[in-house]
Amino acid sequence: MTSSVAQCFSRAHHTYDTAATLQKQVGDELLSLFSCRLLANELIADVGGGTGLLYADLKNKFSDADLVLFDICFSFLLQAKRKYIQNCVSADFDCLPIASDQIALLYSNMALQWSPSLYPTFSELYRVLKPGGTMCFSMPVAGTLNELYSCLGVPCQQFYSEESVRVAASRAGFSITSGCVKKIILRYDSVRDLLSFLKDTGAVYKRDQSSAFFLNRFRLNQLVKQYEELRRDRKKLPASFVIYYGVLKKDHDN
C-alpha cells in the first residue's frame, strides 16, 4: 500500500471507533463464521487491525494465543496503545516484518480492499502463515456504494469482484475453505450523513482513480438531488455494502 492510505486513515483516528459501527458488525460476523483450535502461545495476527476495534473479541475467543496487531497507520496504532494493546506493529500488509511460516491464524476485517493488487497481498499473507494455518477475512466487494456512484455518474471500479478475490487467493496458494457474500444496507438521514460516515472511518482513499470523485458545492447539490430520489415513503436513504467473507487454509504439504 502507499502512504496515501495511511494519510486518509490518520485524519480519522479520533472519529474511527465511534463511527465504525459497520466495521464492528462485520468483524463480529466474521468471528462467528469460523472456528479453529490454537495451542498456547501460538500467534494470531490481526492484519489491518487499526485502532484495535476487534482486539478484545479476538483475545476472548483465543485467550491462550498471542495476538499481534498490524496496521499501516501509525495514528491508529497510537489509539490502540491507549487501549493498553501492547503488541502493535506498524507495517504494510504487503511486506510484514515477520519470518515465514510463523502465524497460526490470520484475521483481517475490512482491510484488504485497500490493497493495490490482491495477488501480492495474498502471497505475503500466505508466506507468513504456518502450514495448516487458517486465514479469515472480510472485505467489501463490487456492488458496494452502488447508489452513491450511480448518483454521481462515476463508474465504480473501486472494489474488487468476488471472483477476483477468489482467483487471487487461490493463485497465491491458499485452499478456499469457505466464501460467501452478504449485502448490508445501511440507512442515513441525509447524503451528508453518509459522506460523514465515510470520512470519519477513513474510507475516502480511492484505490482506482477512475472511481475518484471530487465534490464542489455544485456537484454536492446535484448528488443530493439525485440521491433524494432513492428516498421512499419518507424513509432514510439507502447505502449498500456488499461484504465478502472468506476462510482460507495453507495446506500442510505446501
C-alpha atoms as a PDB file:
ATOM      1  CA  MET A   1       0.000   0.000   0.000  1.00  0.00           C
ATOM      2  CA  THR A   2       1.031   3.634  -0.281  1.00  0.00           C
ATOM      3  CA  SER A   3       1.400   6.382   2.270  1.00  0.00           C
ATOM      4  CA  SER A   4      -1.825   7.865   0.828  1.00  0.00           C
ATOM      5  CA  VAL A   5      -3.817   5.123   2.557  1.00  0.00           C
ATOM      6  CA  ALA A   6      -2.147   5.849   5.889  1.00  0.00           C
ATOM      7  CA  GLN A   7      -2.792   9.569   5.472  1.00  0.00           C
ATOM      8  CA  CYS A   8      -6.508   9.027   4.829  1.00  0.00           C
ATOM      9  CA  PHE A   9      -6.880   6.930   7.951  1.00  0.00           C
ATOM     10  CA  SER A  10      -4.653   9.171  10.030  1.00  0.00           C
ATOM     11  CA  ARG A  11      -7.144  12.002   9.602  1.00  0.00           C
ATOM     12  CA  ALA A  12      -9.866   9.720  11.021  1.00  0.00           C
ATOM     13  CA  HIS A  13      -8.050   8.374  14.086  1.00  0.00           C
ATOM     14  CA  HIS A  14     -10.132  10.427  16.554  1.00  0.00           C
ATOM     15  CA  THR A  15     -13.501   9.535  14.981  1.00  0.00           C
ATOM     16  CA  TYR A  16     -12.980   5.957  13.805  1.00  0.00           C
ATOM     17  CA  ASP A  17     -14.063   3.945  16.851  1.00  0.00           C
ATOM     18  CA  THR A  18     -17.297   5.888  17.247  1.00  0.00           C
ATOM     19  CA  ALA A  19     -18.174   5.819  13.549  1.00  0.00           C
ATOM     20  CA  ALA A  20     -17.090   2.256  12.706  1.00  0.00           C
ATOM     21  CA  THR A  21     -20.367   0.511  13.531  1.00  0.00           C
ATOM     22  CA  LEU A  22     -20.380  -1.341  10.192  1.00  0.00           C
ATOM     23  CA  GLN A  23     -16.796  -2.492  10.681  1.00  0.00           C
ATOM     24  CA  LYS A  24     -17.667  -3.822  14.142  1.00  0.00           C
ATOM     25  CA  GLN A  25     -20.782  -5.582  12.844  1.00  0.00           C
ATOM     26  CA  VAL A  26     -18.855  -7.249  10.012  1.00  0.00           C
ATOM     27  CA  GLY A  27     -15.950  -8.162  12.291  1.00  0.00           C
ATOM     28  CA  ASP A  28     -18.256  -9.861  14.786  1.00  0.00           C
ATOM     29  CA  GLU A  29     -19.955 -11.742  11.946  1.00  0.00           C
ATOM     30  CA  LEU A  30     -16.570 -12.872  10.647  1.00  0.00           C
ATOM     31  CA  LEU A  31     -15.580 -14.204  14.062  1.00  0.00           C
ATOM     32  CA  SER A  32     -18.763 -16.276  14.176  1.00  0.00           C
ATOM     33  CA  LEU A  33     -18.125 -17.899  10.787  1.00  0.00           C
ATOM     34  CA  PHE A  34     -15.037 -19.923  11.629  1.00  0.00           C
ATOM     35  CA  SER A  35     -13.562 -21.998  14.409  1.00  0.00           C
ATOM     36  CA  CYS A  36     -10.094 -23.390  14.936  1.00  0.00           C
ATOM     37  CA  ARG A  37      -8.148 -24.705  17.878  1.00  0.00           C
ATOM     38  CA  LEU A  38      -4.959 -22.894  18.784  1.00  0.00           C
ATOM     39  CA  LEU A  39      -2.289 -24.062  21.186  1.00  0.00           C
ATOM     40  CA  ALA A  40      -0.960 -21.882  23.987  1.00  0.00           C
ATOM     41  CA  ASN A  41       1.403 -19.170  22.730  1.00  0.00           C
ATOM     42  CA  GLU A  42       0.552 -19.732  19.083  1.00  0.00           C
ATOM     43  CA  LEU A  43       0.470 -16.470  17.167  1.00  0.00           C
ATOM     44  CA  ILE A  44      -2.559 -14.625  15.794  1.00  0.00           C
ATOM     45  CA  ALA A  45      -2.097 -11.619  13.508  1.00  0.00           C
ATOM     46  CA  ASP A  46      -4.844  -9.023  13.190  1.00  0.00           C
ATOM     47  CA  VAL A  47      -3.864  -7.591   9.799  1.00  0.00           C
ATOM     48  CA  GLY A  48      -5.128  -4.074   9.210  1.00  0.00           C
ATOM     49  CA  GLY A  49      -6.388  -4.102  12.789  1.00  0.00           C
ATOM     50  CA  GLY A  50      -6.414  -0.314  13.040  1.00  0.00           C
ATOM     51  CA  THR A  51      -7.309   1.006  16.466  1.00  0.00           C
ATOM     52  CA  GLY A  52      -7.840  -2.483  17.866  1.00  0.00           C
ATOM     53  CA  LEU A  53     -11.597  -2.432  17.299  1.00  0.00           C
ATOM     54  CA  LEU A  54     -11.834  -6.259  17.336  1.00  0.00           C
ATOM     55  CA  TYR A  55      -8.780  -6.960  19.502  1.00  0.00           C
ATOM     56  CA  ALA A  56     -10.741  -7.761  22.673  1.00  0.00           C
ATOM     57  CA  ASP A  57     -13.108 -10.075  20.772  1.00  0.00           C
ATOM     58  CA  LEU A  58     -10.200 -11.992  19.271  1.00  0.00           C
ATOM     59  CA  LYS A  59      -8.483 -12.204  22.637  1.00  0.00           C
ATOM     60  CA  ASN A  60     -11.638 -13.528  24.288  1.00  0.00           C
ATOM     61  CA  LYS A  61     -12.098 -16.198  21.621  1.00  0.00           C
ATOM     62  CA  PHE A  62      -8.451 -17.300  21.660  1.00  0.00           C
ATOM     63  CA  SER A  63      -7.373 -16.494  25.200  1.00  0.00           C
ATOM     64  CA  ASP A  64      -4.302 -18.758  25.215  1.00  0.00           C
ATOM     65  CA  ALA A  65      -2.806 -17.463  21.974  1.00  0.00           C
ATOM     66  CA  ASP A  66      -0.523 -14.462  21.467  1.00  0.00           C
ATOM     67  CA  LEU A  67      -2.060 -11.677  19.436  1.00  0.00           C
ATOM     68  CA  VAL A  68      -0.247  -9.009  17.422  1.00  0.00           C
ATOM     69  CA  LEU A  69      -1.909  -6.131  15.596  1.00  0.00           C
ATOM     70  CA  PHE A  70      -0.518  -4.870  12.278  1.00  0.00           C
ATOM     71  CA  ASP A  71      -1.576  -1.621  10.630  1.00  0.00           C
ATOM     72  CA  ILE A  72      -0.040   0.866   8.219  1.00  0.00           C
ATOM     73  CA  CYS A  73      -1.492   3.881  10.053  1.00  0.00           C
ATOM     74  CA  PHE A  74       0.674   4.945  12.988  1.00  0.00           C
ATOM     75  CA  SER A  75      -2.051   7.201  14.412  1.00  0.00           C
ATOM     76  CA  PHE A  76      -4.399   4.219  14.598  1.00  0.00           C
ATOM     77  CA  LEU A  77      -1.752   2.235  16.449  1.00  0.00           C
ATOM     78  CA  LEU A  78      -1.382   5.043  18.977  1.00  0.00           C
ATOM     79  CA  GLN A  79      -5.121   4.777  19.602  1.00  0.00           C
ATOM     80  CA  ALA A  80      -4.716   1.036  20.099  1.00  0.00           C
ATOM     81  CA  LYS A  81      -1.923   1.592  22.622  1.00  0.00           C
ATOM     82  CA  ARG A  82      -4.224   3.898  24.582  1.00  0.00           C
ATOM     83  CA  LYS A  83      -6.438   0.830  24.997  1.00  0.00           C
ATOM     84  CA  TYR A  84      -3.427  -0.945  26.578  1.00  0.00           C
ATOM     85  CA  ILE A  85      -2.836  -3.045  23.473  1.00  0.00           C
ATOM     86  CA  GLN A  86       0.916  -3.569  23.579  1.00  0.00           C
ATOM     87  CA  ASN A  87       1.644  -5.800  20.580  1.00  0.00           C
ATOM     88  CA  CYS A  88       1.165  -3.207  17.842  1.00  0.00           C
ATOM     89  CA  VAL A  89       3.369  -3.121  14.754  1.00  0.00           C
ATOM     90  CA  SER A  90       3.379  -0.500  12.017  1.00  0.00           C
ATOM     91  CA  ALA A  91       3.527  -2.438   8.752  1.00  0.00           C
ATOM     92  CA  ASP A  92       2.141  -2.686   5.248  1.00  0.00           C
ATOM     93  CA  PHE A  93       0.334  -5.984   4.763  1.00  0.00           C
ATOM     94  CA  ASP A  94       2.262  -6.443   1.505  1.00  0.00           C
ATOM     95  CA  CYS A  95       5.512  -6.533   3.489  1.00  0.00           C
ATOM     96  CA  LEU A  96       5.051  -7.886   7.005  1.00  0.00           C
ATOM     97  CA  PRO A  97       8.128  -7.805   9.284  1.00  0.00           C
ATOM     98  CA  ILE A  98       7.874 -11.434  10.315  1.00  0.00           C
ATOM     99  CA  ALA A  99       9.590 -14.659   9.256  1.00  0.00           C
ATOM    100  CA  SER A 100       7.845 -17.200   7.054  1.00  0.00           C
ATOM    101  CA  ASP A 101       5.555 -19.891   8.495  1.00  0.00           C
ATOM    102  CA  GLN A 102       5.047 -18.186  11.867  1.00  0.00           C
ATOM    103  CA  ILE A 103       1.347 -17.260  12.132  1.00  0.00           C
ATOM    104  CA  ALA A 104      -1.261 -19.824  13.191  1.00  0.00           C
ATOM    105  CA  LEU A 105      -4.253 -17.586  12.447  1.00  0.00           C
ATOM    106  CA  LEU A 106      -4.523 -14.538  10.210  1.00  0.00           C
ATOM    107  CA  TYR A 107      -7.544 -12.312  10.815  1.00  0.00           C
ATOM    108  CA  SER A 108      -8.320  -9.327   8.594  1.00  0.00           C
ATOM    109  CA  ASN A 109     -11.534  -7.349   8.868  1.00  0.00           C
ATOM    110  CA  MET A 110     -12.498  -4.760   6.232  1.00  0.00           C
ATOM    111  CA  ALA A 111      -8.911  -4.027   5.212  1.00  0.00           C
ATOM    112  CA  LEU A 112      -7.863  -5.943   2.097  1.00  0.00           C
ATOM    113  CA  GLN A 113      -9.965  -3.741  -0.199  1.00  0.00           C
ATOM    114  CA  TRP A 114      -7.207  -1.143   0.122  1.00  0.00           C
ATOM    115  CA  SER A 115      -4.657  -3.467  -1.477  1.00  0.00           C
ATOM    116  CA  PRO A 116      -3.357  -2.086  -4.793  1.00  0.00           C
ATOM    117  CA  SER A 117      -3.108  -5.664  -6.109  1.00  0.00           C
ATOM    118  CA  LEU A 118      -4.604  -8.670  -4.348  1.00  0.00           C
ATOM    119  CA  TYR A 119      -2.238 -11.357  -5.587  1.00  0.00           C
ATOM    120  CA  PRO A 120       0.930  -9.883  -3.980  1.00  0.00           C
ATOM    121  CA  THR A 121      -1.055  -9.220  -0.815  1.00  0.00           C
ATOM    122  CA  PHE A 122      -2.360 -12.782  -0.547  1.00  0.00           C
ATOM    123  CA  SER A 123       1.106 -14.099  -1.424  1.00  0.00           C
ATOM    124  CA  GLU A 124       2.633 -12.214   1.503  1.00  0.00           C
ATOM    125  CA  LEU A 125      -0.077 -13.400   3.877  1.00  0.00           C
ATOM    126  CA  TYR A 126       0.449 -16.956   2.634  1.00  0.00           C
ATOM    127  CA  ARG A 127       4.175 -16.621   3.305  1.00  0.00           C
ATOM    128  CA  VAL A 128       3.807 -15.771   6.994  1.00  0.00           C
ATOM    129  CA  LEU A 129       1.070 -18.333   7.706  1.00  0.00           C
ATOM    130  CA  LYS A 130       2.077 -21.698   9.157  1.00  0.00           C
ATOM    131  CA  PRO A 131       1.375 -24.843   7.119  1.00  0.00           C
ATOM    132  CA  GLY A 132      -2.036 -25.964   8.331  1.00  0.00           C
ATOM    133  CA  GLY A 133      -2.847 -22.405   9.414  1.00  0.00           C
ATOM    134  CA  THR A 134      -6.085 -20.513   8.797  1.00  0.00           C
ATOM    135  CA  MET A 135      -6.799 -17.105   7.355  1.00  0.00           C
ATOM    136  CA  CYS A 136     -10.203 -15.487   7.774  1.00  0.00           C
ATOM    137  CA  PHE A 137     -11.049 -12.139   6.243  1.00  0.00           C
ATOM    138  CA  SER A 138     -13.828  -9.819   5.222  1.00  0.00           C
ATOM    139  CA  MET A 139     -13.820  -7.054   2.639  1.00  0.00           C
ATOM    140  CA  PRO A 140     -16.339  -5.001   0.666  1.00  0.00           C
ATOM    141  CA  VAL A 141     -16.554  -6.078  -2.973  1.00  0.00           C
ATOM    142  CA  ALA A 142     -18.198  -4.904  -6.191  1.00  0.00           C
ATOM    143  CA  GLY A 143     -21.689  -3.528  -5.638  1.00  0.00           C
ATOM    144  CA  THR A 144     -20.686  -1.609  -2.533  1.00  0.00           C
ATOM    145  CA  LEU A 145     -21.934   2.001  -2.508  1.00  0.00           C
ATOM    146  CA  ASN A 146     -23.591   1.456  -5.889  1.00  0.00           C
ATOM    147  CA  GLU A 147     -26.238   4.058  -5.033  1.00  0.00           C
ATOM    148  CA  LEU A 148     -23.595   6.710  -4.381  1.00  0.00           C
ATOM    149  CA  TYR A 149     -21.603   6.059  -7.542  1.00  0.00           C
ATOM    150  CA  SER A 150     -24.735   5.778  -9.660  1.00  0.00           C
ATOM    151  CA  CYS A 151     -25.973   9.141  -8.461  1.00  0.00           C
ATOM    152  CA  LEU A 152     -22.553  10.653  -9.126  1.00  0.00           C
ATOM    153  CA  GLY A 153     -22.476   9.211 -12.633  1.00  0.00           C
ATOM    154  CA  VAL A 154     -18.979   7.856 -11.947  1.00  0.00           C
ATOM    155  CA  PRO A 155     -18.028   4.285 -12.935  1.00  0.00           C
ATOM    156  CA  CYS A 156     -17.103   2.391  -9.791  1.00  0.00           C
ATOM    157  CA  GLN A 157     -14.015   0.231 -10.121  1.00  0.00           C
ATOM    158  CA  GLN A 158     -13.008   0.880  -6.526  1.00  0.00           C
ATOM    159  CA  PHE A 159     -13.980  -2.560  -5.253  1.00  0.00           C
ATOM    160  CA  TYR A 160     -12.697  -5.944  -6.370  1.00  0.00           C
ATOM    161  CA  SER A 161     -15.160  -8.527  -7.665  1.00  0.00           C
ATOM    162  CA  GLU A 162     -15.882 -11.656  -5.650  1.00  0.00           C
ATOM    163  CA  GLU A 163     -14.308 -13.732  -8.407  1.00  0.00           C
ATOM    164  CA  SER A 164     -11.080 -11.696  -8.435  1.00  0.00           C
ATOM    165  CA  VAL A 165     -10.742 -12.235  -4.678  1.00  0.00           C
ATOM    166  CA  ARG A 166     -11.101 -15.996  -5.078  1.00  0.00           C
ATOM    167  CA  VAL A 167      -8.685 -16.131  -8.009  1.00  0.00           C
ATOM    168  CA  ALA A 168      -6.005 -14.106  -6.209  1.00  0.00           C
ATOM    169  CA  ALA A 169      -6.254 -16.219  -3.047  1.00  0.00           C
ATOM    170  CA  SER A 170      -6.072 -19.489  -4.997  1.00  0.00           C
ATOM    171  CA  ARG A 171      -3.204 -18.264  -7.143  1.00  0.00           C
ATOM    172  CA  ALA A 172      -1.254 -17.353  -4.003  1.00  0.00           C
ATOM    173  CA  GLY A 173      -1.546 -20.979  -2.859  1.00  0.00           C
ATOM    174  CA  PHE A 174      -4.491 -20.907  -0.468  1.00  0.00           C
ATOM    175  CA  SER A 175      -7.227 -23.507  -0.351  1.00  0.00           C
ATOM    176  CA  ILE A 176     -10.617 -21.820  -0.051  1.00  0.00           C
ATOM    177  CA  THR A 177     -12.459 -23.446   2.844  1.00  0.00           C
ATOM    178  CA  SER A 178     -15.493 -21.209   2.573  1.00  0.00           C
ATOM    179  CA  GLY A 179     -16.593 -17.983   0.980  1.00  0.00           C
ATOM    180  CA  CYS A 180     -19.871 -16.121   0.976  1.00  0.00           C
ATOM    181  CA  VAL A 181     -21.231 -12.694   0.154  1.00  0.00           C
ATOM    182  CA  LYS A 182     -23.728 -10.775   2.253  1.00  0.00           C
ATOM    183  CA  LYS A 183     -25.375  -7.475   1.408  1.00  0.00           C
ATOM    184  CA  ILE A 184     -25.814  -5.000   4.228  1.00  0.00           C
ATOM    185  CA  ILE A 185     -27.936  -1.916   3.639  1.00  0.00           C
ATOM    186  CA  LEU A 186     -27.319   0.992   5.974  1.00  0.00           C
ATOM    187  CA  ARG A 187     -29.710   3.909   6.021  1.00  0.00           C
ATOM    188  CA  TYR A 188     -28.924   7.565   6.547  1.00  0.00           C
ATOM    189  CA  ASP A 189     -30.973  10.670   7.188  1.00  0.00           C
ATOM    190  CA  SER A 190     -29.079  12.562   4.509  1.00  0.00           C
ATOM    191  CA  VAL A 191     -26.313  12.269   1.920  1.00  0.00           C
ATOM    192  CA  ARG A 192     -24.104  14.362   4.150  1.00  0.00           C
ATOM    193  CA  ASP A 193     -24.502  11.761   6.915  1.00  0.00           C
ATOM    194  CA  LEU A 194     -23.301   9.042   4.530  1.00  0.00           C
ATOM    195  CA  LEU A 195     -20.329  11.139   3.432  1.00  0.00           C
ATOM    196  CA  SER A 196     -19.520  11.862   7.079  1.00  0.00           C
ATOM    197  CA  PHE A 197     -19.508   8.128   7.821  1.00  0.00           C
ATOM    198  CA  LEU A 198     -17.003   7.536   5.008  1.00  0.00           C
ATOM    199  CA  LYS A 199     -14.828  10.421   6.167  1.00  0.00           C
ATOM    200  CA  ASP A 200     -14.962   9.505   9.860  1.00  0.00           C
ATOM    201  CA  THR A 201     -13.899   5.907   9.150  1.00  0.00           C
ATOM    202  CA  GLY A 202     -11.123   6.956   6.771  1.00  0.00           C
ATOM    203  CA  ALA A 203     -12.811   5.279   3.809  1.00  0.00           C
ATOM    204  CA  VAL A 204     -12.065   8.057   1.356  1.00  0.00           C
ATOM    205  CA  TYR A 205      -8.942   6.664  -0.339  1.00  0.00           C
ATOM    206  CA  LYS A 206      -9.515   5.765  -3.991  1.00  0.00           C
ATOM    207  CA  ARG A 207      -7.598   2.640  -4.993  1.00  0.00           C
ATOM    208  CA  ASP A 208      -8.699   3.166  -8.596  1.00  0.00           C
ATOM    209  CA  GLN A 209      -8.599   6.814  -9.608  1.00  0.00           C
ATOM    210  CA  SER A 210     -11.208   6.239 -12.324  1.00  0.00           C
ATOM    211  CA  SER A 211     -13.610   5.853  -9.397  1.00  0.00           C
ATOM    212  CA  ALA A 212     -12.484   9.087  -7.770  1.00  0.00           C
ATOM    213  CA  PHE A 213     -14.936  11.913  -7.336  1.00  0.00           C
ATOM    214  CA  PHE A 214     -14.434  15.461  -6.197  1.00  0.00           C
ATOM    215  CA  LEU A 215     -17.333  17.350  -4.678  1.00  0.00           C
ATOM    216  CA  ASN A 216     -17.530  21.076  -5.122  1.00  0.00           C
ATOM    217  CA  ARG A 217     -20.705  22.808  -3.997  1.00  0.00           C
ATOM    218  CA  PHE A 218     -22.417  22.347  -7.361  1.00  0.00           C
ATOM    219  CA  ARG A 219     -21.659  18.610  -7.575  1.00  0.00           C
ATOM    220  CA  LEU A 220     -22.684  18.084  -3.958  1.00  0.00           C
ATOM    221  CA  ASN A 221     -26.034  19.748  -4.616  1.00  0.00           C
ATOM    222  CA  GLN A 222     -26.511  17.590  -7.709  1.00  0.00           C
ATOM    223  CA  LEU A 223     -25.625  14.478  -5.729  1.00  0.00           C
ATOM    224  CA  VAL A 224     -28.100  15.351  -3.004  1.00  0.00           C
ATOM    225  CA  LYS A 225     -30.829  15.921  -5.603  1.00  0.00           C
ATOM    226  CA  GLN A 226     -30.164  12.594  -7.339  1.00  0.00           C
ATOM    227  CA  TYR A 227     -29.835  10.618  -4.121  1.00  0.00           C
ATOM    228  CA  GLU A 228     -33.059  12.040  -2.670  1.00  0.00           C
ATOM    229  CA  GLU A 229     -34.921  10.256  -5.462  1.00  0.00           C
ATOM    230  CA  LEU A 230     -33.998   6.994  -3.700  1.00  0.00           C
ATOM    231  CA  ARG A 231     -35.889   8.020  -0.595  1.00  0.00           C
ATOM    232  CA  ARG A 232     -39.145   6.065  -0.413  1.00  0.00           C
ATOM    233  CA  ASP A 233     -42.122   6.916   1.777  1.00  0.00           C
ATOM    234  CA  ARG A 234     -40.055   9.451   3.705  1.00  0.00           C
ATOM    235  CA  LYS A 235     -37.726   6.714   4.883  1.00  0.00           C
ATOM    236  CA  LYS A 236     -33.980   7.082   5.165  1.00  0.00           C
ATOM    237  CA  LEU A 237     -31.559   6.937   2.244  1.00  0.00           C
ATOM    238  CA  PRO A 238     -30.027   3.511   1.469  1.00  0.00           C
ATOM    239  CA  ALA A 239     -26.341   2.712   1.091  1.00  0.00           C
ATOM    240  CA  SER A 240     -25.375  -0.820   0.106  1.00  0.00           C
ATOM    241  CA  PHE A 241     -22.274  -2.635   1.348  1.00  0.00           C
ATOM    242  CA  VAL A 242     -21.574  -5.990  -0.298  1.00  0.00           C
ATOM    243  CA  ILE A 243     -19.260  -7.944   2.012  1.00  0.00           C
ATOM    244  CA  TYR A 244     -17.199 -10.991   1.098  1.00  0.00           C
ATOM    245  CA  TYR A 245     -16.383 -13.323   3.996  1.00  0.00           C
ATOM    246  CA  GLY A 246     -13.608 -15.827   3.317  1.00  0.00           C
ATOM    247  CA  VAL A 247     -11.884 -18.622   5.218  1.00  0.00           C
ATOM    248  CA  LEU A 248      -8.631 -19.918   3.705  1.00  0.00           C
ATOM    249  CA  LYS A 249      -6.187 -22.674   4.611  1.00  0.00           C
ATOM    250  CA  LYS A 250      -2.492 -23.179   3.968  1.00  0.00           C
ATOM    251  CA  ASP A 251      -2.106 -26.892   3.357  1.00  0.00           C
ATOM    252  CA  HIS A 252       0.475 -28.881   5.299  1.00  0.00           C
ATOM    253  CA  ASP A 253       2.223 -30.130   2.182  1.00  0.00           C
ATOM    254  CA  ASN A 254       2.909 -26.655   0.770  1.00  0.00           C
END
